[in-house]
Amino acid sequence: MPQLNPQPWFYIMLMTWLTLSLIIQPKTLSFFPTNPVHEKPTTNTTTNPWTWPWT
């Protein structure tokens, strides 16, 4: 059964992984986001407990 022969598929998988990790990934990581992230000021919020009408 030819599909059980790992020889050609392993080579294809290895070349795809190397292409992705060595060529495509550095190119995509070099892009800068268009909207820089700004830290929001921290605000303390107070919560009120719920008052149940039957207690």
N, C-alpha and C. Protein backbone atom coordinates (compact mmCIF):
# COMPACT_ATOMS: atom_id res chain seq x y z
N MET A 1 0.85 -1.18 0.00
CA MET A 1 0.00 0.00 0.00
C MET A 1 0.90 1.24 0.00
N PRO A 2 0.82 2.05 -0.99
CA PRO A 2 1.75 3.17 -1.12
C PRO A 2 1.55 4.28 -0.08
N GLN A 3 0.34 4.42 0.45
CA GLN A 3 0.12 5.49 1.41
C GLN A 3 0.82 5.23 2.74
N LEU A 4 1.27 4.02 2.97
CA LEU A 4 1.98 3.72 4.20
C LEU A 4 3.48 3.97 4.09
N ASN A 5 3.93 4.29 2.94
CA ASN A 5 5.34 4.59 2.74
C ASN A 5 5.61 6.03 3.20
N PRO A 6 6.36 6.25 4.27
CA PRO A 6 6.54 7.60 4.79
C PRO A 6 7.62 8.40 4.04
N GLN A 7 8.31 7.77 3.15
CA GLN A 7 9.44 8.43 2.52
C GLN A 7 9.06 9.74 1.80
N PRO A 8 8.15 9.77 0.86
CA PRO A 8 7.91 11.07 0.20
C PRO A 8 7.14 12.05 1.08
N TRP A 9 6.27 11.56 1.96
CA TRP A 9 5.45 12.46 2.76
C TRP A 9 6.25 13.11 3.87
N PHE A 10 7.20 12.39 4.40
CA PHE A 10 8.04 12.99 5.43
C PHE A 10 8.88 14.12 4.84
N TYR A 11 9.40 13.93 3.66
CA TYR A 11 10.19 14.98 3.01
C TYR A 11 9.32 16.20 2.71
N ILE A 12 8.11 15.99 2.26
CA ILE A 12 7.20 17.11 1.98
C ILE A 12 6.87 17.86 3.27
N MET A 13 6.59 17.12 4.33
CA MET A 13 6.28 17.76 5.61
C MET A 13 7.48 18.53 6.14
N LEU A 14 8.65 17.96 6.03
CA LEU A 14 9.86 18.62 6.51
C LEU A 14 10.15 19.89 5.73
N MET A 15 10.02 19.84 4.44
CA MET A 15 10.28 21.04 3.61
C MET A 15 9.23 22.12 3.86
N THR A 16 8.00 21.73 4.06
CA THR A 16 6.96 22.71 4.36
C THR A 16 7.22 23.37 5.70
N TRP A 17 7.59 22.58 6.70
CA TRP A 17 7.86 23.14 8.01
C TRP A 17 9.06 24.08 7.97
N LEU A 18 10.10 23.70 7.27
CA LEU A 18 11.28 24.57 7.17
C LEU A 18 10.96 25.86 6.42
N THR A 19 10.18 25.75 5.37
CA THR A 19 9.78 26.95 4.62
C THR A 19 8.98 27.90 5.50
N LEU A 20 8.07 27.34 6.23
CA LEU A 20 7.25 28.18 7.10
C LEU A 20 8.08 28.83 8.20
N SER A 21 8.93 28.06 8.84
CA SER A 21 9.65 28.60 9.98
C SER A 21 10.83 29.51 9.60
N LEU A 22 11.43 29.28 8.46
CA LEU A 22 12.62 30.07 8.12
C LEU A 22 12.35 31.22 7.16
N ILE A 23 11.30 31.14 6.39
CA ILE A 23 11.05 32.18 5.39
C ILE A 23 9.80 32.99 5.72
N ILE A 24 8.69 32.32 5.93
CA ILE A 24 7.43 33.03 6.06
C ILE A 24 7.28 33.66 7.45
N GLN A 25 7.65 32.95 8.48
CA GLN A 25 7.47 33.48 9.83
C GLN A 25 8.26 34.77 10.09
N PRO A 26 9.53 34.87 9.75
CA PRO A 26 10.23 36.15 9.99
C PRO A 26 9.62 37.32 9.20
N LYS A 27 9.10 37.03 8.02
CA LYS A 27 8.49 38.11 7.25
C LYS A 27 7.21 38.60 7.91
N THR A 28 6.40 37.69 8.42
CA THR A 28 5.17 38.13 9.05
C THR A 28 5.42 38.77 10.41
N LEU A 29 6.47 38.35 11.11
CA LEU A 29 6.76 38.95 12.41
C LEU A 29 7.40 40.33 12.28
N SER A 30 7.87 40.69 11.13
CA SER A 30 8.51 41.99 10.97
C SER A 30 7.51 43.13 10.79
N PHE A 31 6.25 42.81 10.54
CA PHE A 31 5.25 43.85 10.37
C PHE A 31 4.93 44.50 11.71
N PHE A 32 4.70 45.78 11.66
CA PHE A 32 4.31 46.51 12.84
C PHE A 32 2.80 46.68 12.83
N PRO A 33 2.16 46.62 13.97
CA PRO A 33 0.71 46.83 13.97
C PRO A 33 0.38 48.28 13.65
N THR A 34 -0.72 48.49 12.99
CA THR A 34 -1.08 49.86 12.59
C THR A 34 -1.58 50.67 13.77
N ASN A 35 -2.21 50.03 14.72
CA ASN A 35 -2.70 50.72 15.92
C ASN A 35 -1.90 50.24 17.12
N PRO A 36 -1.01 51.06 17.61
CA PRO A 36 -0.22 50.61 18.76
C PRO A 36 -1.10 50.45 20.00
N VAL A 37 -0.73 49.52 20.82
CA VAL A 37 -1.50 49.24 22.01
C VAL A 37 -1.13 50.24 23.09
N HIS A 38 -2.15 50.84 23.69
CA HIS A 38 -1.94 51.78 24.79
C HIS A 38 -2.53 51.16 26.05
N GLU A 39 -1.83 51.35 27.12
CA GLU A 39 -2.35 50.83 28.38
C GLU A 39 -3.45 51.74 28.90
N LYS A 40 -4.53 51.11 29.32
CA LYS A 40 -5.63 51.88 29.89
C LYS A 40 -5.31 52.22 31.33
N PRO A 41 -5.77 53.37 31.79
CA PRO A 41 -5.54 53.68 33.20
C PRO A 41 -6.39 52.74 34.07
N THR A 42 -5.82 52.31 35.14
CA THR A 42 -6.55 51.40 36.02
C THR A 42 -7.49 52.20 36.90
N THR A 43 -8.72 51.74 36.95
CA THR A 43 -9.71 52.39 37.80
C THR A 43 -10.28 51.36 38.75
N ASN A 44 -10.49 51.78 39.96
CA ASN A 44 -11.08 50.88 40.95
C ASN A 44 -12.60 50.96 40.85
N THR A 45 -13.21 49.84 40.66
CA THR A 45 -14.67 49.80 40.58
C THR A 45 -15.20 49.16 41.84
N THR A 46 -16.27 49.70 42.33
CA THR A 46 -16.90 49.13 43.52
C THR A 46 -18.18 48.44 43.08
N THR A 47 -18.43 47.31 43.66
CA THR A 47 -19.63 46.56 43.34
C THR A 47 -20.54 46.55 44.54
N ASN A 48 -21.82 46.64 44.28
CA ASN A 48 -22.81 46.59 45.35
C ASN A 48 -23.46 45.22 45.37
N PRO A 49 -23.66 44.66 46.53
CA PRO A 49 -24.30 43.34 46.57
C PRO A 49 -25.76 43.44 46.16
N TRP A 50 -26.22 42.38 45.60
CA TRP A 50 -27.60 42.33 45.15
C TRP A 50 -28.51 42.16 46.37
N THR A 51 -29.57 42.97 46.41
CA THR A 51 -30.53 42.83 47.50
C THR A 51 -31.69 41.98 47.03
N TRP A 52 -31.88 40.85 47.69
CA TRP A 52 -32.95 39.94 47.28
C TRP A 52 -34.24 40.35 48.00
N PRO A 53 -35.34 40.38 47.26
CA PRO A 53 -36.59 40.88 47.89
C PRO A 53 -37.16 39.92 48.93
N TRP A 54 -36.81 38.65 48.94
CA TRP A 54 -37.43 37.71 49.87
C TRP A 54 -36.60 37.48 51.14
N THR A 55 -35.48 38.21 51.29
CA THR A 55 -34.72 38.02 52.52
C THR A 55 -34.93 39.15 53.49
